[in-house]
Amino acid sequence: MNRNWFQNRDHVAYCNEAEIIPRLSRELGISDLGQRVAAFREHPTPEGENIRGCKRTTLKLMIPNLAFSEPIDMGENVWIYMGDLCPAYCLYTPWENGEAAK
């Protein structure tokens, strides 16, 4: 896991949190994923948080700007990382006027 990998837009899916969390929760077998993301957002750590799913999966909640020495685009948001072979999910909440948070 390195900063350059996260900067490559081919490796990142920018997702509306309200749309992606229920789907990932169901697919990965992590029923409380939404609550875990909210709790991590309130109390983030530079090393992130590993979460095991029921379907032999593990994901990492992280905030790239805390994990890496230099900031990246949208790195202040919570991201879900599941390894280099899967996209990283950058979670954002659209602004009230319909624009994405930057």
N, C-alpha and C. Protein backbone atom coordinates (compact mmCIF):
# COMPACT_ATOMS: atom_id res chain seq x y z
N MET A 1 0.85 -1.17 0.00
CA MET A 1 0.00 0.00 0.00
C MET A 1 0.90 1.23 0.00
N ASN A 2 0.80 2.03 -1.07
CA ASN A 2 1.60 3.25 -1.12
C ASN A 2 0.81 4.40 -1.73
N ARG A 3 1.29 5.58 -1.50
CA ARG A 3 0.61 6.80 -1.92
C ARG A 3 0.40 6.86 -3.43
N ASN A 4 1.39 6.45 -4.21
CA ASN A 4 1.28 6.50 -5.67
C ASN A 4 0.14 5.64 -6.19
N TRP A 5 -0.07 4.48 -5.55
CA TRP A 5 -1.17 3.61 -5.97
C TRP A 5 -2.50 4.34 -5.79
N PHE A 6 -2.68 5.04 -4.68
CA PHE A 6 -3.93 5.75 -4.41
C PHE A 6 -4.12 6.96 -5.31
N GLN A 7 -3.05 7.52 -5.82
CA GLN A 7 -3.15 8.68 -6.71
C GLN A 7 -3.54 8.27 -8.13
N ASN A 8 -3.40 7.03 -8.49
CA ASN A 8 -3.76 6.56 -9.81
C ASN A 8 -5.28 6.42 -9.89
N ARG A 9 -5.92 7.24 -10.70
CA ARG A 9 -7.39 7.25 -10.79
C ARG A 9 -7.96 5.92 -11.30
N ASP A 10 -7.14 5.11 -11.94
CA ASP A 10 -7.60 3.78 -12.39
C ASP A 10 -7.79 2.83 -11.22
N HIS A 11 -7.24 3.16 -10.07
CA HIS A 11 -7.33 2.30 -8.88
C HIS A 11 -8.39 2.76 -7.89
N VAL A 12 -9.06 3.88 -8.20
CA VAL A 12 -9.97 4.49 -7.22
C VAL A 12 -11.38 4.61 -7.78
N ALA A 13 -12.37 4.29 -6.95
CA ALA A 13 -13.77 4.54 -7.27
C ALA A 13 -14.26 5.60 -6.29
N TYR A 14 -14.68 6.74 -6.81
CA TYR A 14 -15.22 7.81 -5.97
C TYR A 14 -16.71 7.56 -5.83
N CYS A 15 -17.17 7.27 -4.62
CA CYS A 15 -18.53 6.79 -4.41
C CYS A 15 -19.30 7.62 -3.41
N ASN A 16 -20.57 7.80 -3.70
CA ASN A 16 -21.48 8.41 -2.75
C ASN A 16 -21.66 7.41 -1.61
N GLU A 17 -21.31 7.83 -0.42
CA GLU A 17 -21.33 6.91 0.73
C GLU A 17 -22.70 6.27 0.94
N ALA A 18 -23.77 7.03 0.79
CA ALA A 18 -25.11 6.51 1.03
C ALA A 18 -25.49 5.42 0.03
N GLU A 19 -24.87 5.42 -1.14
CA GLU A 19 -25.17 4.41 -2.15
C GLU A 19 -24.29 3.18 -2.03
N ILE A 20 -23.01 3.35 -1.72
CA ILE A 20 -22.07 2.23 -1.76
C ILE A 20 -22.03 1.42 -0.46
N ILE A 21 -22.20 2.06 0.68
CA ILE A 21 -22.08 1.34 1.96
C ILE A 21 -23.10 0.20 2.08
N PRO A 22 -24.39 0.42 1.78
CA PRO A 22 -25.32 -0.71 1.88
C PRO A 22 -24.94 -1.88 0.96
N ARG A 23 -24.48 -1.57 -0.26
CA ARG A 23 -24.09 -2.63 -1.19
C ARG A 23 -22.87 -3.39 -0.69
N LEU A 24 -21.83 -2.67 -0.27
CA LEU A 24 -20.63 -3.34 0.24
C LEU A 24 -20.94 -4.13 1.51
N SER A 25 -21.76 -3.57 2.36
CA SER A 25 -22.14 -4.26 3.60
C SER A 25 -22.77 -5.61 3.29
N ARG A 26 -23.67 -5.62 2.33
CA ARG A 26 -24.34 -6.86 1.92
C ARG A 26 -23.37 -7.82 1.24
N GLU A 27 -22.57 -7.32 0.30
CA GLU A 27 -21.66 -8.17 -0.46
C GLU A 27 -20.54 -8.77 0.39
N LEU A 28 -20.05 -8.01 1.37
CA LEU A 28 -18.93 -8.46 2.18
C LEU A 28 -19.35 -9.13 3.48
N GLY A 29 -20.63 -9.08 3.80
CA GLY A 29 -21.11 -9.71 5.03
C GLY A 29 -20.71 -8.95 6.28
N ILE A 30 -20.70 -7.62 6.19
CA ILE A 30 -20.37 -6.77 7.35
C ILE A 30 -21.61 -5.94 7.64
N SER A 31 -22.47 -6.44 8.49
CA SER A 31 -23.77 -5.80 8.71
C SER A 31 -23.67 -4.41 9.32
N ASP A 32 -22.64 -4.15 10.08
CA ASP A 32 -22.51 -2.84 10.73
C ASP A 32 -21.49 -1.93 10.05
N LEU A 33 -21.27 -2.11 8.76
CA LEU A 33 -20.25 -1.33 8.05
C LEU A 33 -20.54 0.17 8.13
N GLY A 34 -21.77 0.59 7.98
CA GLY A 34 -22.11 2.01 8.07
C GLY A 34 -21.74 2.61 9.41
N GLN A 35 -22.03 1.88 10.48
CA GLN A 35 -21.70 2.35 11.82
C GLN A 35 -20.19 2.39 12.03
N ARG A 36 -19.49 1.40 11.50
CA ARG A 36 -18.03 1.35 11.65
C ARG A 36 -17.37 2.52 10.90
N VAL A 37 -17.88 2.84 9.71
CA VAL A 37 -17.35 3.98 8.94
C VAL A 37 -17.59 5.27 9.71
N ALA A 38 -18.81 5.45 10.24
CA ALA A 38 -19.13 6.67 11.01
C ALA A 38 -18.24 6.79 12.25
N ALA A 39 -18.03 5.68 12.96
CA ALA A 39 -17.19 5.70 14.16
C ALA A 39 -15.74 6.02 13.79
N PHE A 40 -15.26 5.46 12.68
CA PHE A 40 -13.88 5.75 12.25
C PHE A 40 -13.74 7.21 11.84
N ARG A 41 -14.74 7.75 11.19
CA ARG A 41 -14.69 9.16 10.80
C ARG A 41 -14.60 10.06 12.03
N GLU A 42 -15.28 9.69 13.09
CA GLU A 42 -15.25 10.47 14.32
C GLU A 42 -13.90 10.36 15.05
N HIS A 43 -13.29 9.19 14.99
CA HIS A 43 -12.02 8.93 15.70
C HIS A 43 -11.03 8.22 14.77
N PRO A 44 -10.53 8.92 13.74
CA PRO A 44 -9.60 8.29 12.80
C PRO A 44 -8.22 8.09 13.41
N THR A 45 -7.50 7.13 12.87
CA THR A 45 -6.11 6.88 13.27
C THR A 45 -5.26 6.81 12.00
N PRO A 46 -3.99 7.18 12.08
CA PRO A 46 -3.13 7.12 10.89
C PRO A 46 -3.00 5.71 10.31
N GLU A 47 -3.03 4.68 11.17
CA GLU A 47 -2.88 3.31 10.67
C GLU A 47 -4.18 2.72 10.14
N GLY A 48 -5.30 3.37 10.36
CA GLY A 48 -6.58 2.88 9.86
C GLY A 48 -7.17 1.81 10.75
N GLU A 49 -8.23 1.18 10.25
CA GLU A 49 -8.90 0.11 10.99
C GLU A 49 -9.20 -1.05 10.06
N ASN A 50 -8.76 -2.24 10.44
CA ASN A 50 -9.05 -3.45 9.66
C ASN A 50 -10.37 -4.05 10.14
N ILE A 51 -11.19 -4.46 9.18
CA ILE A 51 -12.49 -5.06 9.48
C ILE A 51 -12.59 -6.37 8.71
N ARG A 52 -12.94 -7.45 9.41
CA ARG A 52 -13.14 -8.74 8.76
C ARG A 52 -14.60 -8.91 8.39
N GLY A 53 -14.81 -9.43 7.19
CA GLY A 53 -16.16 -9.75 6.73
C GLY A 53 -16.44 -11.22 6.92
N CYS A 54 -17.68 -11.60 6.67
CA CYS A 54 -18.08 -12.99 6.84
C CYS A 54 -17.70 -13.86 5.65
N LYS A 55 -17.35 -13.25 4.55
CA LYS A 55 -17.09 -13.99 3.32
C LYS A 55 -15.60 -14.01 2.97
N ARG A 56 -14.77 -14.28 3.97
CA ARG A 56 -13.32 -14.39 3.79
C ARG A 56 -12.71 -13.13 3.20
N THR A 57 -13.22 -12.00 3.61
CA THR A 57 -12.69 -10.72 3.15
C THR A 57 -12.26 -9.88 4.34
N THR A 58 -11.32 -9.02 4.08
CA THR A 58 -10.89 -8.03 5.07
C THR A 58 -10.75 -6.72 4.33
N LEU A 59 -11.17 -5.66 4.97
CA LEU A 59 -11.00 -4.33 4.39
C LEU A 59 -10.36 -3.42 5.41
N LYS A 60 -9.83 -2.34 4.91
CA LYS A 60 -9.19 -1.35 5.78
C LYS A 60 -9.90 -0.02 5.57
N LEU A 61 -10.36 0.57 6.66
CA LEU A 61 -10.84 1.95 6.63
C LEU A 61 -9.63 2.83 6.88
N MET A 62 -9.49 3.86 6.08
CA MET A 62 -8.33 4.73 6.24
C MET A 62 -8.63 6.13 5.73
N ILE A 63 -7.83 7.07 6.16
CA ILE A 63 -7.85 8.44 5.64
C ILE A 63 -6.45 8.67 5.09
N PRO A 64 -6.30 8.65 3.76
CA PRO A 64 -4.97 8.74 3.15
C PRO A 64 -4.13 9.91 3.62
N ASN A 65 -4.74 11.06 3.86
CA ASN A 65 -3.94 12.22 4.28
C ASN A 65 -3.37 12.05 5.68
N LEU A 66 -3.91 11.13 6.47
CA LEU A 66 -3.31 10.80 7.76
C LEU A 66 -2.26 9.70 7.61
N ALA A 67 -2.47 8.81 6.65
CA ALA A 67 -1.58 7.66 6.48
C ALA A 67 -0.29 8.00 5.74
N PHE A 68 -0.34 8.97 4.84
CA PHE A 68 0.82 9.30 4.01
C PHE A 68 1.35 10.68 4.37
N SER A 69 2.62 10.89 4.09
CA SER A 69 3.27 12.16 4.46
C SER A 69 2.82 13.33 3.61
N GLU A 70 2.35 13.08 2.39
CA GLU A 70 1.88 14.14 1.51
C GLU A 70 0.41 13.89 1.18
N PRO A 71 -0.40 14.95 1.10
CA PRO A 71 -1.82 14.77 0.81
C PRO A 71 -2.07 14.32 -0.63
N ILE A 72 -3.23 13.69 -0.83
CA ILE A 72 -3.67 13.30 -2.16
C ILE A 72 -5.05 13.91 -2.40
N ASP A 73 -5.50 13.87 -3.64
CA ASP A 73 -6.81 14.40 -3.99
C ASP A 73 -7.90 13.65 -3.23
N MET A 74 -8.74 14.36 -2.53
CA MET A 74 -9.84 13.83 -1.71
C MET A 74 -9.35 12.91 -0.60
N GLY A 75 -8.11 13.07 -0.20
CA GLY A 75 -7.50 12.24 0.84
C GLY A 75 -7.96 12.54 2.24
N GLU A 76 -8.78 13.56 2.42
CA GLU A 76 -9.32 13.86 3.75
C GLU A 76 -10.57 13.03 4.06
N ASN A 77 -11.08 12.32 3.06
CA ASN A 77 -12.26 11.47 3.23
C ASN A 77 -11.88 10.09 3.74
N VAL A 78 -12.87 9.36 4.23
CA VAL A 78 -12.65 7.96 4.60
C VAL A 78 -12.62 7.14 3.31
N TRP A 79 -11.65 6.25 3.21
CA TRP A 79 -11.52 5.36 2.06
C TRP A 79 -11.62 3.91 2.55
N ILE A 80 -12.09 3.05 1.67
CA ILE A 80 -12.11 1.61 1.94
C ILE A 80 -11.10 0.98 0.99
N TYR A 81 -10.13 0.30 1.57
CA TYR A 81 -9.05 -0.36 0.80
C TYR A 81 -9.17 -1.86 1.02
N MET A 82 -9.21 -2.62 -0.09
CA MET A 82 -9.34 -4.08 0.00
C MET A 82 -8.21 -4.80 -0.71
N GLY A 83 -7.10 -4.12 -0.91
CA GLY A 83 -5.95 -4.73 -1.57
C GLY A 83 -5.72 -4.14 -2.94
N ASP A 84 -4.53 -4.37 -3.47
CA ASP A 84 -4.15 -3.77 -4.74
C ASP A 84 -4.92 -4.32 -5.94
N LEU A 85 -5.58 -5.45 -5.79
CA LEU A 85 -6.31 -6.04 -6.92
C LEU A 85 -7.75 -5.55 -7.00
N CYS A 86 -8.20 -4.81 -6.01
CA CYS A 86 -9.55 -4.24 -5.98
C CYS A 86 -9.44 -2.72 -5.99
N PRO A 87 -10.48 -2.04 -6.47
CA PRO A 87 -10.41 -0.58 -6.38
C PRO A 87 -10.52 -0.13 -4.93
N ALA A 88 -9.94 1.00 -4.65
CA ALA A 88 -10.14 1.64 -3.34
C ALA A 88 -11.38 2.52 -3.49
N TYR A 89 -12.22 2.52 -2.47
CA TYR A 89 -13.44 3.32 -2.51
C TYR A 89 -13.25 4.58 -1.69
N CYS A 90 -13.30 5.72 -2.35
CA CYS A 90 -13.24 7.01 -1.66
C CYS A 90 -14.69 7.39 -1.36
N LEU A 91 -15.03 7.48 -0.08
CA LEU A 91 -16.40 7.77 0.32
C LEU A 91 -16.60 9.27 0.48
N TYR A 92 -17.60 9.79 -0.18
CA TYR A 92 -17.92 11.20 0.00
C TYR A 92 -19.43 11.35 0.11
N THR A 93 -19.83 12.48 0.64
CA THR A 93 -21.24 12.82 0.75
C THR A 93 -21.47 14.07 -0.09
N PRO A 94 -22.38 14.00 -1.06
CA PRO A 94 -22.62 15.18 -1.91
C PRO A 94 -23.11 16.36 -1.08
N TRP A 95 -22.76 17.55 -1.52
CA TRP A 95 -23.25 18.76 -0.87
C TRP A 95 -24.73 18.89 -1.16
N GLU A 96 -25.39 19.73 -0.41
CA GLU A 96 -26.83 19.91 -0.58
C GLU A 96 -27.20 20.41 -1.97
N ASN A 97 -26.35 21.20 -2.62
CA ASN A 97 -26.66 21.72 -3.95
C ASN A 97 -26.33 20.71 -5.04
N GLY A 98 -25.93 19.48 -4.67
CA GLY A 98 -25.70 18.43 -5.64
C GLY A 98 -24.26 18.27 -6.06
N GLU A 99 -23.35 19.12 -5.61
CA GLU A 99 -21.95 18.98 -5.95
C GLU A 99 -21.26 18.07 -4.97
N ALA A 100 -20.23 17.41 -5.42
CA ALA A 100 -19.45 16.52 -4.54
C ALA A 100 -18.54 17.34 -3.65
N ALA A 101 -18.32 16.83 -2.43
CA ALA A 101 -17.37 17.47 -1.52
C ALA A 101 -15.96 17.29 -2.06
N LYS A 102 -15.16 18.31 -1.94
CA LYS A 102 -13.78 18.20 -2.44
C LYS A 102 -12.80 18.34 -1.33
